[in-house]
Amino acid sequence: MLKECLKLISNKTVKSTRDIANRLGIDEKYANELIDKLVQMEYLSRDNGEFSCGGKCFGCNLANCPSNSIITFSLTDKGKKYLKNL
């Protein structure tokens, strides 16, 4: 399940833990646990409040969310290497 979660995040096909949960057929709490585990394994890193768009929400899929409540994730080099070797 960790591998599938990492693939979804790397393909940028999900926007939230709810999306991950729905795509994997699990509850949102378990999706959060998977993400926490991937962070602990150093395959993902949390990008708390660091937006490449500068926080301008016009045109963003998450435009109705307060930008200070969004936590994004990035694949680490270790995570990219793991997926490349699959």
Foldseek 3Di string as FASTA:
>chain_A
DLLVLLVCQVVVVDDALCRSCVVVVHDSVVSVVSVVVCVVVQQKDKDQLDDPVNQDLVPPPPSVDRSNVDIGMDGDPVNVVVVVVD
